[in-house]
Amino acid sequence: MGWLKKTITDFLRDESGMGVVEIILIIVVLIAMVLIFKEQITALVKNIWDSINKSAKKIY
């Protein structure tokens, strides 16, 4: 578990590329989008899952 903490710490302290603020903003935007489109995402996943189940029943 120590290597995971070190890896995350090294990643957050690395100043090359994107900064921590940018990463946090991206995460906040993604969470907001999931909350806004929760019903549509749920319906899409349900439709995909139903399609997979129907295809699996045809095979077996």
PDB file of N, CA and C in Angstrom:
ATOM      1  N   MET A   1       0.829  -1.192   0.000  1.00  0.00           N
ATOM      2  CA  MET A   1       0.000   0.000   0.000  1.00  0.00           C
ATOM      3  C   MET A   1       0.869   1.249   0.000  1.00  0.00           C
ATOM      4  N   GLY A   2       2.077   1.138   0.485  1.00  0.00           N
ATOM      5  CA  GLY A   2       2.973   2.279   0.521  1.00  0.00           C
ATOM      6  C   GLY A   2       3.365   2.753  -0.867  1.00  0.00           C
ATOM      7  N   TRP A   3       3.504   1.796  -1.796  1.00  0.00           N
ATOM      8  CA  TRP A   3       3.882   2.180  -3.158  1.00  0.00           C
ATOM      9  C   TRP A   3       2.784   2.963  -3.840  1.00  0.00           C
ATOM     10  N   LEU A   4       1.520   2.651  -3.507  1.00  0.00           N
ATOM     11  CA  LEU A   4       0.403   3.372  -4.098  1.00  0.00           C
ATOM     12  C   LEU A   4       0.389   4.817  -3.608  1.00  0.00           C
ATOM     13  N   LYS A   5       0.592   5.000  -2.318  1.00  0.00           N
ATOM     14  CA  LYS A   5       0.621   6.350  -1.756  1.00  0.00           C
ATOM     15  C   LYS A   5       1.773   7.146  -2.350  1.00  0.00           C
ATOM     16  N   LYS A   6       2.944   6.512  -2.503  1.00  0.00           N
ATOM     17  CA  LYS A   6       4.097   7.191  -3.086  1.00  0.00           C
ATOM     18  C   LYS A   6       3.832   7.555  -4.542  1.00  0.00           C
ATOM     19  N   THR A   7       3.201   6.650  -5.285  1.00  0.00           N
ATOM     20  CA  THR A   7       2.898   6.904  -6.688  1.00  0.00           C
ATOM     21  C   THR A   7       1.941   8.081  -6.830  1.00  0.00           C
ATOM     22  N   ILE A   8       0.905   8.098  -6.009  1.00  0.00           N
ATOM     23  CA  ILE A   8      -0.069   9.198  -6.065  1.00  0.00           C
ATOM     24  C   ILE A   8       0.594  10.505  -5.653  1.00  0.00           C
ATOM     25  N   THR A   9       1.397  10.470  -4.609  1.00  0.00           N
ATOM     26  CA  THR A   9       2.079  11.667  -4.154  1.00  0.00           C
ATOM     27  C   THR A   9       3.029  12.189  -5.226  1.00  0.00           C
ATOM     28  N   ASP A  10       3.789  11.305  -5.833  1.00  0.00           N
ATOM     29  CA  ASP A  10       4.698  11.713  -6.910  1.00  0.00           C
ATOM     30  C   ASP A  10       3.923  12.311  -8.078  1.00  0.00           C
ATOM     31  N   PHE A  11       2.782  11.709  -8.416  1.00  0.00           N
ATOM     32  CA  PHE A  11       1.969  12.206  -9.514  1.00  0.00           C
ATOM     33  C   PHE A  11       1.460  13.612  -9.220  1.00  0.00           C
ATOM     34  N   LEU A  12       0.986  13.834  -7.998  1.00  0.00           N
ATOM     35  CA  LEU A  12       0.439  15.139  -7.649  1.00  0.00           C
ATOM     36  C   LEU A  12       1.515  16.216  -7.527  1.00  0.00           C
ATOM     37  N   ARG A  13       2.737  15.834  -7.187  1.00  0.00           N
ATOM     38  CA  ARG A  13       3.824  16.803  -7.052  1.00  0.00           C
ATOM     39  C   ARG A  13       4.539  17.080  -8.367  1.00  0.00           C
ATOM     40  N   ASP A  14       4.306  16.250  -9.345  1.00  0.00           N
ATOM     41  CA  ASP A  14       4.941  16.430 -10.642  1.00  0.00           C
ATOM     42  C   ASP A  14       4.403  17.705 -11.286  1.00  0.00           C
ATOM     43  N   GLU A  15       5.282  18.628 -11.627  1.00  0.00           N
ATOM     44  CA  GLU A  15       4.862  19.904 -12.180  1.00  0.00           C
ATOM     45  C   GLU A  15       4.837  19.920 -13.700  1.00  0.00           C
ATOM     46  N   SER A  16       5.216  18.843 -14.317  1.00  0.00           N
ATOM     47  CA  SER A  16       5.144  18.803 -15.765  1.00  0.00           C
ATOM     48  C   SER A  16       3.738  18.399 -16.196  1.00  0.00           C
ATOM     49  N   GLY A  17       3.306  18.902 -17.310  1.00  0.00           N
ATOM     50  CA  GLY A  17       1.966  18.553 -17.780  1.00  0.00           C
ATOM     51  C   GLY A  17       0.907  19.326 -17.030  1.00  0.00           C
ATOM     52  N   MET A  18      -0.219  18.694 -16.785  1.00  0.00           N
ATOM     53  CA  MET A  18      -1.331  19.359 -16.122  1.00  0.00           C
ATOM     54  C   MET A  18      -1.067  19.506 -14.625  1.00  0.00           C
ATOM     55  N   GLY A  19      -1.572  20.575 -14.093  1.00  0.00           N
ATOM     56  CA  GLY A  19      -1.454  20.810 -12.663  1.00  0.00           C
ATOM     57  C   GLY A  19      -2.617  20.211 -11.910  1.00  0.00           C
ATOM     58  N   VAL A  20      -2.502  20.235 -10.605  1.00  0.00           N
ATOM     59  CA  VAL A  20      -3.530  19.646  -9.745  1.00  0.00           C
ATOM     60  C   VAL A  20      -4.849  20.396  -9.907  1.00  0.00           C
ATOM     61  N   VAL A  21      -4.779  21.695 -10.064  1.00  0.00           N
ATOM     62  CA  VAL A  21      -6.003  22.493 -10.198  1.00  0.00           C
ATOM     63  C   VAL A  21      -6.770  22.079 -11.448  1.00  0.00           C
ATOM     64  N   GLU A  22      -6.056  21.883 -12.537  1.00  0.00           N
ATOM     65  CA  GLU A  22      -6.709  21.471 -13.777  1.00  0.00           C
ATOM     66  C   GLU A  22      -7.360  20.101 -13.623  1.00  0.00           C
ATOM     67  N   ILE A  23      -6.673  19.180 -12.969  1.00  0.00           N
ATOM     68  CA  ILE A  23      -7.220  17.840 -12.755  1.00  0.00           C
ATOM     69  C   ILE A  23      -8.476  17.913 -11.900  1.00  0.00           C
ATOM     70  N   ILE A  24      -8.441  18.710 -10.845  1.00  0.00           N
ATOM     71  CA  ILE A  24      -9.608  18.858  -9.966  1.00  0.00           C
ATOM     72  C   ILE A  24     -10.776  19.462 -10.740  1.00  0.00           C
ATOM     73  N   LEU A  25     -10.508  20.463 -11.582  1.00  0.00           N
ATOM     74  CA  LEU A  25     -11.579  21.065 -12.378  1.00  0.00           C
ATOM     75  C   LEU A  25     -12.193  20.064 -13.347  1.00  0.00           C
ATOM     76  N   ILE A  26     -11.366  19.244 -13.970  1.00  0.00           N
ATOM     77  CA  ILE A  26     -11.872  18.220 -14.882  1.00  0.00           C
ATOM     78  C   ILE A  26     -12.755  17.236 -14.126  1.00  0.00           C
ATOM     79  N   ILE A  27     -12.313  16.807 -12.950  1.00  0.00           N
ATOM     80  CA  ILE A  27     -13.102  15.863 -12.142  1.00  0.00           C
ATOM     81  C   ILE A  27     -14.436  16.487 -11.742  1.00  0.00           C
ATOM     82  N   VAL A  28     -14.422  17.761 -11.340  1.00  0.00           N
ATOM     83  CA  VAL A  28     -15.657  18.443 -10.939  1.00  0.00           C
ATOM     84  C   VAL A  28     -16.631  18.520 -12.116  1.00  0.00           C
ATOM     85  N   VAL A  29     -16.120  18.856 -13.304  1.00  0.00           N
ATOM     86  CA  VAL A  29     -16.977  18.933 -14.482  1.00  0.00           C
ATOM     87  C   VAL A  29     -17.561  17.558 -14.815  1.00  0.00           C
ATOM     88  N   LEU A  30     -16.738  16.516 -14.743  1.00  0.00           N
ATOM     89  CA  LEU A  30     -17.234  15.169 -15.028  1.00  0.00           C
ATOM     90  C   LEU A  30     -18.318  14.749 -14.042  1.00  0.00           C
ATOM     91  N   ILE A  31     -18.110  15.033 -12.766  1.00  0.00           N
ATOM     92  CA  ILE A  31     -19.114  14.691 -11.751  1.00  0.00           C
ATOM     93  C   ILE A  31     -20.407  15.454 -12.011  1.00  0.00           C
ATOM     94  N   ALA A  32     -20.294  16.739 -12.357  1.00  0.00           N
ATOM     95  CA  ALA A  32     -21.488  17.540 -12.646  1.00  0.00           C
ATOM     96  C   ALA A  32     -22.242  16.973 -13.843  1.00  0.00           C
ATOM     97  N   MET A  33     -21.507  16.564 -14.885  1.00  0.00           N
ATOM     98  CA  MET A  33     -22.158  15.997 -16.065  1.00  0.00           C
ATOM     99  C   MET A  33     -22.875  14.692 -15.729  1.00  0.00           C
ATOM    100  N   VAL A  34     -22.250  13.866 -14.891  1.00  0.00           N
ATOM    101  CA  VAL A  34     -22.890  12.610 -14.490  1.00  0.00           C
ATOM    102  C   VAL A  34     -24.162  12.900 -13.709  1.00  0.00           C
ATOM    103  N   LEU A  35     -24.122  13.879 -12.829  1.00  0.00           N
ATOM    104  CA  LEU A  35     -25.314  14.211 -12.052  1.00  0.00           C
ATOM    105  C   LEU A  35     -26.422  14.773 -12.943  1.00  0.00           C
ATOM    106  N   ILE A  36     -26.057  15.584 -13.927  1.00  0.00           N
ATOM    107  CA  ILE A  36     -27.052  16.180 -14.820  1.00  0.00           C
ATOM    108  C   ILE A  36     -27.679  15.120 -15.720  1.00  0.00           C
ATOM    109  N   PHE A  37     -26.844  14.230 -16.272  1.00  0.00           N
ATOM    110  CA  PHE A  37     -27.322  13.248 -17.242  1.00  0.00           C
ATOM    111  C   PHE A  37     -27.484  11.853 -16.638  1.00  0.00           C
ATOM    112  N   LYS A  38     -27.729  11.781 -15.337  1.00  0.00           N
ATOM    113  CA  LYS A  38     -27.809  10.495 -14.647  1.00  0.00           C
ATOM    114  C   LYS A  38     -28.874   9.580 -15.244  1.00  0.00           C
ATOM    115  N   GLU A  39     -30.051  10.113 -15.501  1.00  0.00           N
ATOM    116  CA  GLU A  39     -31.143   9.290 -16.018  1.00  0.00           C
ATOM    117  C   GLU A  39     -30.821   8.756 -17.413  1.00  0.00           C
ATOM    118  N   GLN A  40     -30.253   9.618 -18.258  1.00  0.00           N
ATOM    119  CA  GLN A  40     -29.910   9.192 -19.611  1.00  0.00           C
ATOM    120  C   GLN A  40     -28.807   8.141 -19.599  1.00  0.00           C
ATOM    121  N   ILE A  41     -27.828   8.319 -18.729  1.00  0.00           N
ATOM    122  CA  ILE A  41     -26.736   7.349 -18.625  1.00  0.00           C
ATOM    123  C   ILE A  41     -27.272   6.015 -18.126  1.00  0.00           C
ATOM    124  N   THR A  42     -28.148   6.061 -17.129  1.00  0.00           N
ATOM    125  CA  THR A  42     -28.741   4.838 -16.591  1.00  0.00           C
ATOM    126  C   THR A  42     -29.544   4.106 -17.662  1.00  0.00           C
ATOM    127  N   ALA A  43     -30.333   4.854 -18.433  1.00  0.00           N
ATOM    128  CA  ALA A  43     -31.135   4.237 -19.493  1.00  0.00           C
ATOM    129  C   ALA A  43     -30.233   3.628 -20.566  1.00  0.00           C
ATOM    130  N   LEU A  44     -29.162   4.325 -20.927  1.00  0.00           N
ATOM    131  CA  LEU A  44     -28.233   3.810 -21.932  1.00  0.00           C
ATOM    132  C   LEU A  44     -27.578   2.512 -21.472  1.00  0.00           C
ATOM    133  N   VAL A  45     -27.103   2.499 -20.239  1.00  0.00           N
ATOM    134  CA  VAL A  45     -26.458   1.301 -19.700  1.00  0.00           C
ATOM    135  C   VAL A  45     -27.462   0.151 -19.623  1.00  0.00           C
ATOM    136  N   LYS A  46     -28.696   0.447 -19.233  1.00  0.00           N
ATOM    137  CA  LYS A  46     -29.729  -0.599 -19.159  1.00  0.00           C
ATOM    138  C   LYS A  46     -30.012  -1.176 -20.544  1.00  0.00           C
ATOM    139  N   ASN A  47     -30.113  -0.308 -21.541  1.00  0.00           N
ATOM    140  CA  ASN A  47     -30.358  -0.780 -22.906  1.00  0.00           C
ATOM    141  C   ASN A  47     -29.207  -1.636 -23.416  1.00  0.00           C
ATOM    142  N   ILE A  48     -27.990  -1.216 -23.137  1.00  0.00           N
ATOM    143  CA  ILE A  48     -26.820  -2.000 -23.558  1.00  0.00           C
ATOM    144  C   ILE A  48     -26.819  -3.353 -22.865  1.00  0.00           C
ATOM    145  N   TRP A  49     -27.110  -3.362 -21.575  1.00  0.00           N
ATOM    146  CA  TRP A  49     -27.120  -4.609 -20.812  1.00  0.00           C
ATOM    147  C   TRP A  49     -28.209  -5.554 -21.315  1.00  0.00           C
ATOM    148  N   ASP A  50     -29.384  -4.996 -21.607  1.00  0.00           N
ATOM    149  CA  ASP A  50     -30.473  -5.826 -22.149  1.00  0.00           C
ATOM    150  C   ASP A  50     -30.086  -6.411 -23.499  1.00  0.00           C
ATOM    151  N   SER A  51     -29.444  -5.620 -24.321  1.00  0.00           N
ATOM    152  CA  SER A  51     -29.001  -6.095 -25.632  1.00  0.00           C
ATOM    153  C   SER A  51     -27.983  -7.223 -25.487  1.00  0.00           C
ATOM    154  N   ILE A  52     -27.070  -7.081 -24.560  1.00  0.00           N
ATOM    155  CA  ILE A  52     -26.074  -8.127 -24.314  1.00  0.00           C
ATOM    156  C   ILE A  52     -26.762  -9.409 -23.851  1.00  0.00           C
ATOM    157  N   ASN A  53     -27.718  -9.280 -22.958  1.00  0.00           N
ATOM    158  CA  ASN A  53     -28.440 -10.458 -22.453  1.00  0.00           C
ATOM    159  C   ASN A  53     -29.222 -11.148 -23.558  1.00  0.00           C
ATOM    160  N   LYS A  54     -29.881 -10.367 -24.443  1.00  0.00           N
ATOM    161  CA  LYS A  54     -30.630 -10.964 -25.547  1.00  0.00           C
ATOM    162  C   LYS A  54     -29.693 -11.706 -26.495  1.00  0.00           C
ATOM    163  N   SER A  55     -28.542 -11.110 -26.780  1.00  0.00           N
ATOM    164  CA  SER A  55     -27.566 -11.760 -27.667  1.00  0.00           C
ATOM    165  C   SER A  55     -27.011 -13.033 -27.043  1.00  0.00           C
ATOM    166  N   ALA A  56     -26.778 -12.990 -25.748  1.00  0.00           N
ATOM    167  CA  ALA A  56     -26.253 -14.160 -25.049  1.00  0.00           C
ATOM    168  C   ALA A  56     -27.275 -15.303 -25.059  1.00  0.00           C
ATOM    169  N   LYS A  57     -28.555 -14.964 -24.942  1.00  0.00           N
ATOM    170  CA  LYS A  57     -29.604 -16.000 -24.966  1.00  0.00           C
ATOM    171  C   LYS A  57     -29.688 -16.662 -26.334  1.00  0.00           C
ATOM    172  N   LYS A  58     -29.435 -15.900 -27.405  1.00  0.00           N
ATOM    173  CA  LYS A  58     -29.453 -16.466 -28.754  1.00  0.00           C
ATOM    174  C   LYS A  58     -28.325 -17.467 -28.934  1.00  0.00           C
ATOM    175  N   ILE A  59     -27.179 -17.189 -28.326  1.00  0.00           N
ATOM    176  CA  ILE A  59     -26.011 -18.059 -28.463  1.00  0.00           C
ATOM    177  C   ILE A  59     -26.222 -19.355 -27.684  1.00  0.00           C
ATOM    178  N   TYR A  60     -26.779 -19.250 -26.485  1.00  0.00           N
ATOM    179  CA  TYR A  60     -26.956 -20.439 -25.650  1.00  0.00           C
ATOM    180  C   TYR A  60     -28.341 -20.947 -25.859  1.00  0.00           C
TER     181      TYR A  60
END
